[in-house]
Amino acid sequence: MPVDGTQVDPSKFGYARYPASTFTTLPEALVRALIGRQVGRNGWAVLTVLCRMVYTDGRLGTVGAEKVAETTGLTLAQVARGMRDLRQRGIIAPVIRKNARGYRHLDKPCFGHVAQYCICKDIWAAVELKPERPPDAAQRESMP
């Protein structure tokens, strides 16, 4: 049933609230890169799930292939093709890890370990982050 704006009370219906780790935000610069580099539909679906948790330095939260398949409806083979497509087109790259001896290597999935990826630096440099408010400004706003 269609609802017009007069039937929605703004005080009753505030902002949309979503359960944790179920809302995805794709920055505009990332969307432009996906279009410009012609990423396929599997890559788009996989990246949508990976972007549920993005850190300020461009690292993506870790999500297993089974969870991506369950969320998107893709098969495990399609998820693997989507990840490969994103890596080959320079959208994401594995995070560099250090081992116990201090050697650096690219993170890779093995024996139940889920590898962590990050958005490539050239794309992440184009993403405009909103600056965080200083703590004293947040405290001043909360004071009566």
Protein backbone atom coordinates (compact mmCIF):
# COMPACT_ATOMS: atom_id res chain seq x y z
CA MET A 1 0.00 0.00 0.00
CA PRO A 2 1.56 3.34 -0.98
CA VAL A 3 2.07 5.86 1.80
CA ASP A 4 2.34 9.57 1.20
CA GLY A 5 4.44 11.96 3.29
CA THR A 6 1.48 13.28 5.27
CA GLN A 7 0.85 9.87 6.81
CA VAL A 8 4.36 9.55 8.18
CA ASP A 9 4.89 11.30 11.50
CA PRO A 10 8.54 12.46 11.65
CA SER A 11 8.60 12.35 15.44
CA LYS A 12 7.36 8.76 15.43
CA PHE A 13 9.65 7.55 12.63
CA GLY A 14 13.21 8.76 13.12
CA TYR A 15 16.26 7.62 11.25
CA ALA A 16 16.46 4.09 9.95
CA ARG A 17 18.18 1.71 12.35
CA TYR A 18 19.78 -1.52 11.19
CA PRO A 19 21.18 -4.48 13.09
CA ALA A 20 24.96 -4.49 13.47
CA SER A 21 26.98 -5.57 10.39
CA THR A 22 23.99 -5.57 8.04
CA PHE A 23 24.26 -2.13 6.40
CA THR A 24 26.72 -1.41 3.60
CA THR A 25 28.10 1.94 2.50
CA LEU A 26 30.01 2.13 -0.78
CA PRO A 27 31.91 5.42 -1.11
CA GLU A 28 31.33 7.26 -4.39
CA ALA A 29 35.02 7.04 -5.36
CA LEU A 30 34.90 3.27 -4.91
CA VAL A 31 31.77 3.01 -7.08
CA ARG A 32 33.47 5.09 -9.80
CA ALA A 33 36.48 2.75 -9.66
CA LEU A 34 34.25 -0.35 -9.93
CA ILE A 35 32.54 1.10 -12.99
CA GLY A 36 35.76 2.38 -14.57
CA ARG A 37 37.57 -0.91 -14.15
CA GLN A 38 34.53 -2.90 -15.32
CA VAL A 39 34.14 -5.17 -12.31
CA GLY A 40 31.64 -7.98 -12.89
CA ARG A 41 28.46 -8.69 -10.98
CA ASN A 42 30.12 -11.25 -8.69
CA GLY A 43 32.73 -8.67 -7.70
CA TRP A 44 30.06 -6.07 -6.92
CA ALA A 45 28.14 -8.52 -4.71
CA VAL A 46 31.26 -9.64 -2.86
CA LEU A 47 32.48 -6.08 -2.29
CA THR A 48 29.07 -5.05 -0.98
CA VAL A 49 29.36 -7.65 1.77
CA LEU A 50 33.02 -6.83 2.48
CA CYS A 51 32.19 -3.12 2.87
CA ARG A 52 29.91 -3.77 5.81
CA MET A 53 32.91 -2.94 7.99
CA VAL A 54 35.55 -0.60 6.57
CA TYR A 55 38.27 0.90 8.76
CA THR A 56 39.54 4.46 8.28
CA ASP A 57 42.77 3.21 6.68
CA GLY A 58 40.90 1.25 3.98
CA ARG A 59 41.11 -2.20 5.57
CA LEU A 60 38.02 -4.34 5.14
CA GLY A 61 36.56 -6.49 7.89
CA THR A 62 37.11 -10.22 7.62
CA VAL A 63 34.20 -12.21 6.21
CA GLY A 64 34.40 -15.87 5.30
CA ALA A 65 33.39 -17.13 1.87
CA GLU A 66 30.50 -19.10 3.37
CA LYS A 67 29.07 -15.95 4.97
CA VAL A 68 29.43 -14.00 1.69
CA ALA A 69 27.70 -16.83 -0.19
CA GLU A 70 24.91 -16.98 2.39
CA THR A 71 24.36 -13.22 2.29
CA THR A 72 24.52 -12.71 -1.49
CA GLY A 73 23.03 -15.97 -2.71
CA LEU A 74 26.14 -16.72 -4.77
CA THR A 75 27.82 -20.10 -4.82
CA LEU A 76 31.29 -20.53 -3.33
CA ALA A 77 32.76 -20.68 -6.85
CA GLN A 78 31.08 -17.38 -7.73
CA VAL A 79 32.41 -15.80 -4.53
CA ALA A 80 35.92 -16.97 -5.46
CA ARG A 81 35.51 -15.52 -8.97
CA GLY A 82 34.30 -12.24 -7.49
CA MET A 83 37.30 -12.03 -5.15
CA ARG A 84 39.67 -12.85 -8.01
CA ASP A 85 38.03 -10.20 -10.19
CA LEU A 86 38.43 -7.56 -7.46
CA ARG A 87 42.10 -8.46 -6.94
CA GLN A 88 42.96 -8.59 -10.66
CA ARG A 89 41.34 -5.24 -11.38
CA GLY A 90 43.21 -3.55 -8.53
CA ILE A 91 40.23 -2.83 -6.29
CA ILE A 92 41.36 -4.81 -3.26
CA ALA A 93 44.69 -6.26 -2.12
CA PRO A 94 45.67 -8.56 0.77
CA VAL A 95 46.89 -6.89 3.93
CA ILE A 96 50.62 -7.26 4.65
CA ARG A 97 51.28 -9.28 7.83
CA LYS A 98 54.44 -9.92 9.83
CA ASN A 99 55.38 -13.36 11.07
CA ALA A 100 57.16 -14.16 14.34
CA ARG A 101 60.59 -13.49 12.79
CA GLY A 102 59.52 -10.09 11.47
CA TYR A 103 59.25 -11.09 7.81
CA ARG A 104 56.49 -9.38 5.87
CA HIS A 105 54.15 -11.38 3.65
CA LEU A 106 50.72 -10.98 2.07
CA ASP A 107 47.88 -12.41 4.15
CA LYS A 108 46.28 -15.47 2.56
CA PRO A 109 43.46 -17.78 3.59
CA CYS A 110 44.56 -21.19 4.84
CA PHE A 111 43.49 -23.83 7.38
CA GLY A 112 40.37 -21.92 8.52
CA HIS A 113 42.14 -18.53 8.63
CA VAL A 114 40.18 -15.80 6.82
CA ALA A 115 42.49 -13.40 5.02
CA GLN A 116 42.01 -9.68 5.47
CA TYR A 117 41.94 -7.37 2.48
CA CYS A 118 42.13 -3.63 2.02
CA ILE A 119 40.96 -1.24 -0.66
CA CYS A 120 43.94 -0.34 -2.86
CA LYS A 121 45.73 2.87 -1.94
CA ASP A 122 45.01 4.72 -5.19
CA ILE A 123 41.27 4.19 -4.77
CA TRP A 124 41.26 4.84 -1.03
CA ALA A 125 43.11 8.13 -1.56
CA ALA A 126 40.14 9.34 -3.61
CA VAL A 127 37.63 8.45 -0.86
CA GLU A 128 36.67 11.54 1.10
CA LEU A 129 36.40 10.78 4.81
CA LYS A 130 34.35 12.94 7.12
CA PRO A 131 36.68 14.34 9.82
CA GLU A 132 35.92 13.23 13.34
CA ARG A 133 34.81 15.84 15.83
CA PRO A 134 37.22 16.63 18.63
CA PRO A 135 36.13 15.16 21.98
CA ASP A 136 35.68 18.58 23.59
CA ALA A 137 33.17 19.64 20.89
CA ALA A 138 31.11 16.49 21.46
CA GLN A 139 31.09 17.16 25.21
CA ARG A 140 30.01 20.78 24.71
CA GLU A 141 27.07 19.72 22.55
CA SER A 142 25.85 17.23 25.15
CA MET A 143 25.91 19.82 27.95
CA PRO A 144 22.65 21.74 28.62
